[in-house]
Amino acid sequence: MEATTKQPINIYTESNPNPNSLKFVLNFLLLPEGVSRDFPDKESASEAPLASELFDFPYVKRVFYMSNFVTVTKAEDVEWAEVKHEVQQYIKSFLEANKQILTEKEVEEDHKVSDSDTDIEAKIKGVLDEYIRPAVEMDGGAITFDSYHEGTVKVLLQGACSGCPSSTVTLKAGIENLLKRMIPEVQVVEAEGV
């Protein structure tokens, strides 16, 4: 997946509830709507050259791509004031060189409702898409449906949400309450990848 653009590349940063993550927002789309990629370590970034190279910075602990932003999570013992400009310039230089951010053969949407979904799974995905995903994306992360079994919904939290101190509160007070209210069959929501 090549980030091709003739316009100047502008990047600004947005903080989010996770103090160790920073969202680097671009003035164009990196990935199609509904597509995200989460890289918890360098090994997982084998088909993601930008993420792989960002892991060469010793303080980078996680990289996440979505729509028009890259979320970078740093080590706790490093301050953003010390490294923000370096990361921002690296991302900008990488994109200005028209390098590929993904080398996957086919980039597919992550959370589509499929014909094999049960009615409850389709409802859960619908609520996640319409009510929850936009708020989570604004904070530099993503939420993906993992499974539903006997009243328990499992979701995958990615990007800034993974390891965020407030992710448990968000999960229980926000996501779980909303799903339980809108879909009576839902009793518990659990997070994977936190």
N, C-alpha and C. Protein backbone atom coordinates (compact mmCIF):
# COMPACT_ATOMS: atom_id res chain seq x y z
N MET A 1 0.85 -1.17 0.00
CA MET A 1 0.00 0.00 0.00
C MET A 1 0.89 1.22 0.00
N GLU A 2 0.87 1.97 -1.04
CA GLU A 2 1.74 3.11 -1.18
C GLU A 2 0.99 4.39 -0.85
N ALA A 3 1.60 5.23 -0.05
CA ALA A 3 1.00 6.52 0.27
C ALA A 3 1.47 7.51 -0.80
N THR A 4 0.73 7.59 -1.88
CA THR A 4 1.14 8.48 -2.97
C THR A 4 0.33 9.76 -2.91
N THR A 5 1.04 10.85 -2.90
CA THR A 5 0.39 12.15 -2.88
C THR A 5 1.32 13.17 -3.49
N LYS A 6 0.76 14.08 -4.26
CA LYS A 6 1.55 15.14 -4.87
C LYS A 6 1.53 16.40 -4.01
N GLN A 7 0.57 16.45 -3.09
CA GLN A 7 0.45 17.62 -2.23
C GLN A 7 1.51 17.58 -1.14
N PRO A 8 1.81 18.73 -0.55
CA PRO A 8 2.77 18.73 0.57
C PRO A 8 2.23 17.88 1.71
N ILE A 9 3.13 17.22 2.41
CA ILE A 9 2.73 16.38 3.52
C ILE A 9 2.78 17.21 4.80
N ASN A 10 1.62 17.30 5.44
CA ASN A 10 1.53 17.99 6.71
C ASN A 10 1.16 16.98 7.79
N ILE A 11 1.85 17.08 8.91
CA ILE A 11 1.58 16.19 10.04
C ILE A 11 1.43 17.04 11.29
N TYR A 12 0.35 16.80 12.02
CA TYR A 12 0.23 17.42 13.34
C TYR A 12 -0.04 16.31 14.34
N THR A 13 0.16 16.60 15.60
CA THR A 13 -0.01 15.58 16.62
C THR A 13 -1.24 15.87 17.48
N GLU A 14 -1.82 14.80 17.98
CA GLU A 14 -2.93 14.89 18.92
C GLU A 14 -2.62 13.95 20.07
N SER A 15 -2.81 14.44 21.28
CA SER A 15 -2.65 13.55 22.43
C SER A 15 -3.93 12.75 22.60
N ASN A 16 -3.88 11.74 23.42
CA ASN A 16 -5.04 10.89 23.68
C ASN A 16 -4.97 10.44 25.14
N PRO A 17 -5.96 9.71 25.62
CA PRO A 17 -5.95 9.33 27.05
C PRO A 17 -4.74 8.52 27.50
N ASN A 18 -4.05 7.85 26.58
CA ASN A 18 -2.85 7.11 26.95
C ASN A 18 -1.66 8.06 26.87
N PRO A 19 -1.08 8.43 28.01
CA PRO A 19 0.02 9.41 28.01
C PRO A 19 1.27 8.94 27.26
N ASN A 20 1.39 7.64 27.03
CA ASN A 20 2.55 7.12 26.31
C ASN A 20 2.34 7.01 24.81
N SER A 21 1.14 7.35 24.33
CA SER A 21 0.84 7.29 22.90
C SER A 21 0.61 8.69 22.36
N LEU A 22 0.97 8.87 21.11
CA LEU A 22 0.74 10.13 20.42
C LEU A 22 0.26 9.81 19.02
N LYS A 23 -0.73 10.55 18.59
CA LYS A 23 -1.35 10.34 17.28
C LYS A 23 -0.72 11.34 16.30
N PHE A 24 -0.11 10.84 15.23
CA PHE A 24 0.49 11.67 14.18
C PHE A 24 -0.49 11.69 13.01
N VAL A 25 -1.18 12.82 12.85
CA VAL A 25 -2.28 12.93 11.89
C VAL A 25 -1.77 13.58 10.60
N LEU A 26 -2.13 12.95 9.47
CA LEU A 26 -1.69 13.43 8.15
C LEU A 26 -2.82 14.12 7.42
N ASN A 27 -2.48 14.87 6.38
CA ASN A 27 -3.49 15.59 5.58
C ASN A 27 -3.99 14.76 4.40
N PHE A 28 -3.85 13.44 4.46
CA PHE A 28 -4.37 12.53 3.44
C PHE A 28 -4.53 11.14 4.06
N LEU A 29 -5.29 10.28 3.39
CA LEU A 29 -5.52 8.93 3.90
C LEU A 29 -4.32 8.02 3.64
N LEU A 30 -3.93 7.28 4.64
CA LEU A 30 -2.91 6.25 4.52
C LEU A 30 -3.53 4.90 4.16
N LEU A 31 -4.69 4.64 4.74
CA LEU A 31 -5.40 3.37 4.54
C LEU A 31 -6.86 3.67 4.23
N PRO A 32 -7.51 2.77 3.50
CA PRO A 32 -8.94 2.95 3.22
C PRO A 32 -9.76 2.96 4.52
N GLU A 33 -10.91 3.57 4.47
CA GLU A 33 -11.82 3.61 5.62
C GLU A 33 -12.11 2.20 6.11
N GLY A 34 -12.10 2.00 7.42
CA GLY A 34 -12.41 0.70 8.00
C GLY A 34 -11.23 -0.25 8.08
N VAL A 35 -10.04 0.20 7.68
CA VAL A 35 -8.86 -0.66 7.72
C VAL A 35 -7.89 -0.11 8.76
N SER A 36 -7.37 -0.98 9.59
CA SER A 36 -6.34 -0.58 10.56
C SER A 36 -5.32 -1.70 10.68
N ARG A 37 -4.15 -1.35 11.13
CA ARG A 37 -3.10 -2.34 11.38
C ARG A 37 -2.40 -1.97 12.67
N ASP A 38 -2.24 -2.97 13.56
CA ASP A 38 -1.63 -2.77 14.86
C ASP A 38 -0.36 -3.61 14.93
N PHE A 39 0.73 -2.98 15.35
CA PHE A 39 2.02 -3.66 15.42
C PHE A 39 2.57 -3.53 16.85
N PRO A 40 2.42 -4.59 17.66
CA PRO A 40 2.89 -4.53 19.04
C PRO A 40 4.41 -4.70 19.18
N ASP A 41 5.09 -5.10 18.08
CA ASP A 41 6.54 -5.26 18.13
C ASP A 41 7.08 -5.31 16.70
N LYS A 42 8.40 -5.25 16.58
CA LYS A 42 9.05 -5.22 15.26
C LYS A 42 8.73 -6.48 14.46
N GLU A 43 8.67 -7.63 15.10
CA GLU A 43 8.41 -8.89 14.39
C GLU A 43 7.05 -8.87 13.69
N SER A 44 6.07 -8.23 14.30
CA SER A 44 4.72 -8.19 13.72
C SER A 44 4.65 -7.22 12.54
N ALA A 45 5.68 -6.40 12.36
CA ALA A 45 5.68 -5.36 11.32
C ALA A 45 6.44 -5.79 10.06
N SER A 46 6.52 -7.09 9.81
CA SER A 46 7.30 -7.56 8.66
C SER A 46 6.75 -7.07 7.32
N GLU A 47 5.43 -6.81 7.25
CA GLU A 47 4.84 -6.29 6.02
C GLU A 47 4.47 -4.81 6.16
N ALA A 48 5.14 -4.13 7.08
CA ALA A 48 4.85 -2.72 7.34
C ALA A 48 6.17 -1.96 7.50
N PRO A 49 6.78 -1.56 6.38
CA PRO A 49 8.10 -0.93 6.45
C PRO A 49 8.19 0.29 7.37
N LEU A 50 7.20 1.17 7.35
CA LEU A 50 7.27 2.35 8.22
C LEU A 50 7.28 1.93 9.69
N ALA A 51 6.37 1.06 10.08
CA ALA A 51 6.32 0.59 11.46
C ALA A 51 7.62 -0.11 11.84
N SER A 52 8.10 -0.96 10.95
CA SER A 52 9.34 -1.68 11.21
C SER A 52 10.50 -0.72 11.47
N GLU A 53 10.59 0.32 10.65
CA GLU A 53 11.67 1.30 10.83
C GLU A 53 11.48 2.13 12.10
N LEU A 54 10.24 2.44 12.46
CA LEU A 54 10.00 3.19 13.70
C LEU A 54 10.45 2.39 14.92
N PHE A 55 10.34 1.06 14.85
CA PHE A 55 10.80 0.22 15.96
C PHE A 55 12.32 0.28 16.14
N ASP A 56 13.05 0.82 15.16
CA ASP A 56 14.49 0.99 15.32
C ASP A 56 14.83 2.06 16.35
N PHE A 57 13.86 2.95 16.63
CA PHE A 57 14.05 3.89 17.73
C PHE A 57 13.85 3.09 19.02
N PRO A 58 14.81 3.12 19.94
CA PRO A 58 14.73 2.25 21.12
C PRO A 58 13.52 2.53 22.02
N TYR A 59 12.95 3.70 21.94
CA TYR A 59 11.82 4.06 22.80
C TYR A 59 10.46 3.72 22.20
N VAL A 60 10.40 3.30 20.92
CA VAL A 60 9.11 2.97 20.30
C VAL A 60 8.70 1.56 20.73
N LYS A 61 7.48 1.46 21.30
CA LYS A 61 7.00 0.19 21.83
C LYS A 61 5.81 -0.38 21.05
N ARG A 62 5.10 0.44 20.26
CA ARG A 62 3.95 -0.03 19.49
C ARG A 62 3.67 1.00 18.40
N VAL A 63 3.20 0.50 17.24
CA VAL A 63 2.83 1.38 16.13
C VAL A 63 1.47 0.91 15.61
N PHE A 64 0.63 1.88 15.27
CA PHE A 64 -0.72 1.59 14.82
C PHE A 64 -1.05 2.49 13.63
N TYR A 65 -1.57 1.91 12.53
CA TYR A 65 -1.99 2.69 11.36
C TYR A 65 -3.51 2.66 11.28
N MET A 66 -4.09 3.79 10.91
CA MET A 66 -5.52 3.82 10.59
C MET A 66 -5.82 5.09 9.80
N SER A 67 -6.73 5.01 8.88
CA SER A 67 -7.18 6.10 8.00
C SER A 67 -6.08 7.12 7.75
N ASN A 68 -6.11 8.27 8.41
CA ASN A 68 -5.11 9.30 8.13
C ASN A 68 -4.15 9.53 9.30
N PHE A 69 -3.91 8.51 10.11
CA PHE A 69 -2.98 8.72 11.22
C PHE A 69 -2.16 7.49 11.55
N VAL A 70 -1.04 7.76 12.23
CA VAL A 70 -0.16 6.73 12.78
C VAL A 70 -0.07 7.03 14.28
N THR A 71 -0.40 6.06 15.11
CA THR A 71 -0.25 6.24 16.55
C THR A 71 1.01 5.51 16.97
N VAL A 72 1.86 6.21 17.70
CA VAL A 72 3.10 5.63 18.19
C VAL A 72 3.03 5.61 19.72
N THR A 73 3.35 4.46 20.30
CA THR A 73 3.42 4.33 21.76
C THR A 73 4.88 4.21 22.14
N LYS A 74 5.28 5.03 23.09
CA LYS A 74 6.69 5.09 23.52
C LYS A 74 6.89 4.42 24.87
N ALA A 75 8.13 4.23 25.24
CA ALA A 75 8.47 3.70 26.55
C ALA A 75 8.11 4.74 27.62
N GLU A 76 7.77 4.26 28.80
CA GLU A 76 7.35 5.17 29.88
C GLU A 76 8.47 6.07 30.37
N ASP A 77 9.73 5.64 30.24
CA ASP A 77 10.84 6.42 30.79
C ASP A 77 11.33 7.52 29.84
N VAL A 78 10.64 7.73 28.74
CA VAL A 78 11.01 8.77 27.77
C VAL A 78 9.84 9.76 27.69
N GLU A 79 10.15 11.04 27.63
CA GLU A 79 9.11 12.07 27.52
C GLU A 79 8.87 12.41 26.06
N TRP A 80 7.60 12.69 25.70
CA TRP A 80 7.28 13.06 24.34
C TRP A 80 8.02 14.32 23.92
N ALA A 81 8.23 15.23 24.84
CA ALA A 81 8.93 16.48 24.52
C ALA A 81 10.33 16.20 23.96
N GLU A 82 10.92 15.09 24.36
CA GLU A 82 12.27 14.73 23.92
C GLU A 82 12.28 14.08 22.53
N VAL A 83 11.20 13.39 22.15
CA VAL A 83 11.26 12.55 20.94
C VAL A 83 10.18 12.86 19.89
N LYS A 84 9.19 13.66 20.23
CA LYS A 84 8.07 13.91 19.31
C LYS A 84 8.54 14.43 17.95
N HIS A 85 9.39 15.42 17.96
CA HIS A 85 9.84 16.01 16.69
C HIS A 85 10.59 14.99 15.84
N GLU A 86 11.42 14.17 16.46
CA GLU A 86 12.19 13.14 15.75
C GLU A 86 11.25 12.15 15.05
N VAL A 87 10.23 11.67 15.77
CA VAL A 87 9.28 10.72 15.19
C VAL A 87 8.49 11.39 14.06
N GLN A 88 8.02 12.60 14.30
CA GLN A 88 7.23 13.32 13.31
C GLN A 88 8.04 13.54 12.02
N GLN A 89 9.28 13.94 12.15
CA GLN A 89 10.14 14.16 10.98
C GLN A 89 10.43 12.86 10.25
N TYR A 90 10.60 11.77 11.00
CA TYR A 90 10.88 10.48 10.38
C TYR A 90 9.69 10.02 9.54
N ILE A 91 8.49 10.13 10.10
CA ILE A 91 7.28 9.75 9.36
C ILE A 91 7.14 10.61 8.11
N LYS A 92 7.35 11.90 8.24
CA LYS A 92 7.24 12.81 7.10
C LYS A 92 8.26 12.47 6.01
N SER A 93 9.50 12.25 6.38
CA SER A 93 10.55 11.90 5.40
C SER A 93 10.22 10.58 4.70
N PHE A 94 9.76 9.61 5.46
CA PHE A 94 9.40 8.30 4.91
C PHE A 94 8.32 8.48 3.83
N LEU A 95 7.28 9.23 4.14
CA LEU A 95 6.17 9.43 3.21
C LEU A 95 6.56 10.31 2.02
N GLU A 96 7.41 11.31 2.25
CA GLU A 96 7.87 12.15 1.15
C GLU A 96 8.70 11.36 0.14
N ALA A 97 9.33 10.29 0.59
CA ALA A 97 10.11 9.43 -0.30
C ALA A 97 9.21 8.45 -1.06
N ASN A 98 7.89 8.56 -0.86
CA ASN A 98 6.90 7.68 -1.51
C ASN A 98 7.15 6.20 -1.25
N LYS A 99 7.63 5.90 -0.06
CA LYS A 99 7.82 4.49 0.33
C LYS A 99 6.48 3.89 0.72
N GLN A 100 6.37 2.57 0.60
CA GLN A 100 5.15 1.85 0.98
C GLN A 100 5.06 1.72 2.49
N ILE A 101 3.86 1.97 3.03
CA ILE A 101 3.68 1.76 4.47
C ILE A 101 3.28 0.32 4.75
N LEU A 102 2.66 -0.35 3.76
CA LEU A 102 2.30 -1.76 3.86
C LEU A 102 2.72 -2.48 2.59
N THR A 103 3.20 -3.70 2.73
CA THR A 103 3.55 -4.49 1.55
C THR A 103 2.62 -5.68 1.40
N GLU A 104 1.51 -5.69 2.16
CA GLU A 104 0.53 -6.76 2.03
C GLU A 104 0.02 -6.82 0.60
N LYS A 105 -0.27 -8.01 0.12
CA LYS A 105 -0.78 -8.14 -1.24
C LYS A 105 -2.19 -7.57 -1.36
N GLU A 106 -3.03 -7.80 -0.35
CA GLU A 106 -4.40 -7.33 -0.39
C GLU A 106 -4.76 -6.72 0.95
N VAL A 107 -5.20 -5.47 0.93
CA VAL A 107 -5.59 -4.79 2.16
C VAL A 107 -7.11 -4.88 2.28
N GLU A 108 -7.57 -5.58 3.32
CA GLU A 108 -9.00 -5.79 3.50
C GLU A 108 -9.51 -5.09 4.74
N GLU A 109 -10.80 -4.78 4.71
CA GLU A 109 -11.46 -4.16 5.86
C GLU A 109 -11.46 -5.15 7.01
N ASP A 110 -11.34 -4.62 8.23
CA ASP A 110 -11.18 -5.46 9.41
C ASP A 110 -12.46 -5.99 10.02
N HIS A 111 -13.53 -5.26 9.95
CA HIS A 111 -14.67 -5.56 10.82
C HIS A 111 -16.00 -5.68 10.10
N LYS A 112 -15.98 -6.10 8.88
CA LYS A 112 -17.22 -6.22 8.12
C LYS A 112 -18.14 -7.28 8.72
N VAL A 113 -19.43 -7.01 8.64
CA VAL A 113 -20.42 -8.02 9.01
C VAL A 113 -20.41 -9.06 7.88
N SER A 114 -20.34 -10.33 8.26
CA SER A 114 -20.30 -11.37 7.23
C SER A 114 -21.56 -12.23 7.30
N ASP A 115 -21.79 -12.98 6.26
CA ASP A 115 -22.96 -13.86 6.19
C ASP A 115 -22.94 -14.93 7.28
N SER A 116 -21.76 -15.26 7.77
CA SER A 116 -21.65 -16.30 8.79
C SER A 116 -21.94 -15.79 10.20
N ASP A 117 -22.09 -14.47 10.37
CA ASP A 117 -22.38 -13.90 11.68
C ASP A 117 -23.80 -14.26 12.12
N THR A 118 -23.95 -14.53 13.41
CA THR A 118 -25.29 -14.71 13.97
C THR A 118 -25.97 -13.34 14.05
N ASP A 119 -27.26 -13.31 14.33
CA ASP A 119 -27.98 -12.03 14.47
C ASP A 119 -27.36 -11.18 15.56
N ILE A 120 -27.03 -11.80 16.68
CA ILE A 120 -26.44 -11.05 17.80
C ILE A 120 -25.07 -10.50 17.42
N GLU A 121 -24.24 -11.31 16.75
CA GLU A 121 -22.92 -10.84 16.32
C GLU A 121 -23.06 -9.66 15.36
N ALA A 122 -24.00 -9.72 14.44
CA ALA A 122 -24.23 -8.62 13.51
C ALA A 122 -24.66 -7.36 14.25
N LYS A 123 -25.54 -7.51 15.26
CA LYS A 123 -25.97 -6.36 16.06
C LYS A 123 -24.80 -5.76 16.82
N ILE A 124 -23.97 -6.61 17.42
CA ILE A 124 -22.80 -6.14 18.18
C ILE A 124 -21.88 -5.35 17.26
N LYS A 125 -21.57 -5.91 16.08
CA LYS A 125 -20.69 -5.21 15.13
C LYS A 125 -21.30 -3.87 14.71
N GLY A 126 -22.63 -3.86 14.53
CA GLY A 126 -23.31 -2.62 14.16
C GLY A 126 -23.16 -1.54 15.22
N VAL A 127 -23.35 -1.91 16.49
CA VAL A 127 -23.20 -0.95 17.60
C VAL A 127 -21.75 -0.49 17.70
N LEU A 128 -20.81 -1.42 17.58
CA LEU A 128 -19.39 -1.05 17.62
C LEU A 128 -19.07 -0.05 16.50
N ASP A 129 -19.55 -0.33 15.28
CA ASP A 129 -19.27 0.54 14.13
C ASP A 129 -19.87 1.92 14.29
N GLU A 130 -21.12 1.97 14.70
CA GLU A 130 -21.83 3.24 14.71
C GLU A 130 -21.55 4.11 15.93
N TYR A 131 -21.46 3.50 17.11
CA TYR A 131 -21.39 4.29 18.33
C TYR A 131 -20.01 4.32 19.00
N ILE A 132 -19.28 3.23 18.91
CA ILE A 132 -18.05 3.12 19.69
C ILE A 132 -16.79 3.39 18.88
N ARG A 133 -16.70 2.81 17.68
CA ARG A 133 -15.48 2.94 16.88
C ARG A 133 -15.07 4.40 16.63
N PRO A 134 -16.00 5.31 16.27
CA PRO A 134 -15.57 6.70 16.01
C PRO A 134 -14.89 7.36 17.22
N ALA A 135 -15.39 7.12 18.42
CA ALA A 135 -14.78 7.72 19.61
C ALA A 135 -13.40 7.13 19.88
N VAL A 136 -13.28 5.82 19.71
CA VAL A 136 -12.00 5.15 19.95
C VAL A 136 -10.97 5.63 18.92
N GLU A 137 -11.39 5.79 17.67
CA GLU A 137 -10.47 6.27 16.62
C GLU A 137 -9.99 7.68 16.92
N MET A 138 -10.86 8.52 17.45
CA MET A 138 -10.45 9.89 17.79
C MET A 138 -9.32 9.89 18.81
N ASP A 139 -9.29 8.86 19.65
CA ASP A 139 -8.23 8.74 20.66
C ASP A 139 -7.00 8.00 20.15
N GLY A 140 -6.95 7.70 18.85
CA GLY A 140 -5.75 7.09 18.28
C GLY A 140 -5.72 5.58 18.37
N GLY A 141 -6.87 4.97 18.54
CA GLY A 141 -6.91 3.52 18.65
C GLY A 141 -7.99 2.91 17.79
N ALA A 142 -8.25 1.65 18.03
CA ALA A 142 -9.30 0.93 17.30
C ALA A 142 -9.86 -0.15 18.19
N ILE A 143 -11.10 -0.51 17.90
CA ILE A 143 -11.75 -1.62 18.60
C ILE A 143 -12.31 -2.54 17.53
N THR A 144 -12.07 -3.83 17.68
CA THR A 144 -12.52 -4.82 16.72
C THR A 144 -13.24 -5.94 17.46
N PHE A 145 -14.35 -6.37 16.90
CA PHE A 145 -15.09 -7.51 17.45
C PHE A 145 -14.23 -8.75 17.32
N ASP A 146 -14.14 -9.52 18.40
CA ASP A 146 -13.39 -10.77 18.37
C ASP A 146 -14.35 -11.96 18.39
N SER A 147 -15.24 -12.01 19.41
CA SER A 147 -16.15 -13.14 19.50
C SER A 147 -17.32 -12.83 20.43
N TYR A 148 -18.35 -13.67 20.32
CA TYR A 148 -19.49 -13.62 21.24
C TYR A 148 -19.83 -15.06 21.61
N HIS A 149 -19.95 -15.31 22.92
CA HIS A 149 -20.31 -16.65 23.36
C HIS A 149 -21.04 -16.55 24.70
N GLU A 150 -22.29 -17.02 24.73
CA GLU A 150 -23.09 -17.09 25.96
C GLU A 150 -23.06 -15.81 26.78
N GLY A 151 -23.35 -14.67 26.15
CA GLY A 151 -23.45 -13.41 26.87
C GLY A 151 -22.16 -12.63 26.99
N THR A 152 -21.04 -13.23 26.62
CA THR A 152 -19.75 -12.56 26.75
C THR A 152 -19.24 -12.12 25.38
N VAL A 153 -18.98 -10.82 25.26
CA VAL A 153 -18.41 -10.25 24.04
C VAL A 153 -16.92 -10.02 24.29
N LYS A 154 -16.11 -10.47 23.36
CA LYS A 154 -14.68 -10.19 23.43
C LYS A 154 -14.34 -9.24 22.29
N VAL A 155 -13.60 -8.17 22.65
CA VAL A 155 -13.17 -7.19 21.66
C VAL A 155 -11.66 -7.07 21.73
N LEU A 156 -11.07 -6.62 20.64
CA LEU A 156 -9.64 -6.40 20.57
C LEU A 156 -9.41 -4.90 20.58
N LEU A 157 -8.66 -4.40 21.57
CA LEU A 157 -8.30 -2.99 21.64
C LEU A 157 -6.91 -2.82 21.06
N GLN A 158 -6.77 -1.88 20.13
CA GLN A 158 -5.50 -1.70 19.43
C GLN A 158 -5.04 -0.26 19.50
N GLY A 159 -3.79 -0.04 19.09
CA GLY A 159 -3.24 1.30 19.04
C GLY A 159 -3.10 1.90 20.42
N ALA A 160 -3.51 3.16 20.57
CA ALA A 160 -3.36 3.86 21.84
C ALA A 160 -4.15 3.19 22.96
N CYS A 161 -5.20 2.44 22.61
CA CYS A 161 -6.04 1.80 23.63
C CYS A 161 -5.31 0.67 24.33
N SER A 162 -4.39 0.04 23.65
CA SER A 162 -3.66 -1.07 24.24
C SER A 162 -2.67 -0.53 25.26
N GLY A 163 -2.84 -0.90 26.50
CA GLY A 163 -1.95 -0.44 27.55
C GLY A 163 -2.33 0.91 28.13
N CYS A 164 -3.43 1.47 27.70
CA CYS A 164 -3.87 2.77 28.21
C CYS A 164 -4.41 2.60 29.62
N PRO A 165 -4.00 3.47 30.56
CA PRO A 165 -4.49 3.36 31.93
C PRO A 165 -6.02 3.45 32.04
N SER A 166 -6.65 4.20 31.14
CA SER A 166 -8.10 4.37 31.24
C SER A 166 -8.88 3.39 30.38
N SER A 167 -8.21 2.44 29.74
CA SER A 167 -8.92 1.51 28.85
C SER A 167 -9.91 0.61 29.59
N THR A 168 -9.59 0.21 30.82
CA THR A 168 -10.51 -0.63 31.59
C THR A 168 -11.78 0.14 31.93
N VAL A 169 -11.62 1.40 32.32
CA VAL A 169 -12.78 2.24 32.63
C VAL A 169 -13.62 2.43 31.37
N THR A 170 -12.96 2.74 30.25
CA THR A 170 -13.67 2.91 28.99
C THR A 170 -14.41 1.63 28.62
N LEU A 171 -13.76 0.51 28.79
CA LEU A 171 -14.36 -0.78 28.44
C LEU A 171 -15.60 -1.05 29.28
N LYS A 172 -15.48 -0.93 30.59
CA LYS A 172 -16.59 -1.29 31.48
C LYS A 172 -17.67 -0.20 31.53
N ALA A 173 -17.27 1.05 31.75
CA ALA A 173 -18.25 2.12 31.93
C ALA A 173 -18.86 2.57 30.61
N GLY A 174 -18.11 2.47 29.53
CA GLY A 174 -18.62 2.94 28.26
C GLY A 174 -19.13 1.83 27.36
N ILE A 175 -18.22 1.02 26.88
CA ILE A 175 -18.54 0.00 25.87
C ILE A 175 -19.50 -1.05 26.42
N GLU A 176 -19.18 -1.60 27.58
CA GLU A 176 -20.03 -2.65 28.14
C GLU A 176 -21.44 -2.12 28.44
N ASN A 177 -21.53 -0.95 29.08
CA ASN A 177 -22.85 -0.39 29.39
C ASN A 177 -23.68 -0.14 28.14
N LEU A 178 -23.07 0.41 27.11
CA LEU A 178 -23.79 0.69 25.87
C LEU A 178 -24.27 -0.61 25.21
N LEU A 179 -23.39 -1.59 25.10
CA LEU A 179 -23.78 -2.86 24.48
C LEU A 179 -24.88 -3.56 25.29
N LYS A 180 -24.78 -3.56 26.61
CA LYS A 180 -25.80 -4.20 27.44
C LYS A 180 -27.15 -3.49 27.29
N ARG A 181 -27.11 -2.17 27.17
CA ARG A 181 -28.35 -1.41 27.02
C ARG A 181 -28.99 -1.64 25.66
N MET A 182 -28.18 -1.75 24.62
CA MET A 182 -28.71 -1.87 23.26
C MET A 182 -28.98 -3.31 22.84
N ILE A 183 -28.27 -4.26 23.45
CA ILE A 183 -28.42 -5.67 23.09
C ILE A 183 -28.56 -6.46 24.40
N PRO A 184 -29.78 -6.75 24.81
CA PRO A 184 -30.03 -7.39 26.11
C PRO A 184 -29.28 -8.71 26.34
N GLU A 185 -28.94 -9.42 25.28
CA GLU A 185 -28.24 -10.70 25.42
C GLU A 185 -26.81 -10.52 25.95
N VAL A 186 -26.24 -9.32 25.77
CA VAL A 186 -24.87 -9.06 26.20
C VAL A 186 -24.85 -8.86 27.72
N GLN A 187 -23.99 -9.64 28.40
CA GLN A 187 -23.86 -9.54 29.85
C GLN A 187 -22.50 -8.97 30.27
N VAL A 188 -21.44 -9.30 29.53
CA VAL A 188 -20.08 -8.90 29.89
C VAL A 188 -19.31 -8.59 28.60
N VAL A 189 -18.41 -7.58 28.70
CA VAL A 189 -17.49 -7.30 27.60
C VAL A 189 -16.08 -7.41 28.14
N GLU A 190 -15.26 -8.19 27.46
CA GLU A 190 -13.87 -8.37 27.85
C GLU A 190 -12.96 -7.93 26.73
N ALA A 191 -11.79 -7.43 27.09
CA ALA A 191 -10.84 -6.95 26.09
C ALA A 191 -9.68 -7.92 25.92
N GLU A 192 -9.29 -8.11 24.69
CA GLU A 192 -8.09 -8.86 24.34
C GLU A 192 -7.04 -7.82 23.96
N GLY A 193 -5.78 -8.12 24.16
CA GLY A 193 -4.71 -7.25 23.69
C GLY A 193 -4.50 -6.00 24.52
N VAL A 194 -4.98 -5.98 25.77
CA VAL A 194 -4.79 -4.78 26.60
C VAL A 194 -3.54 -4.96 27.42
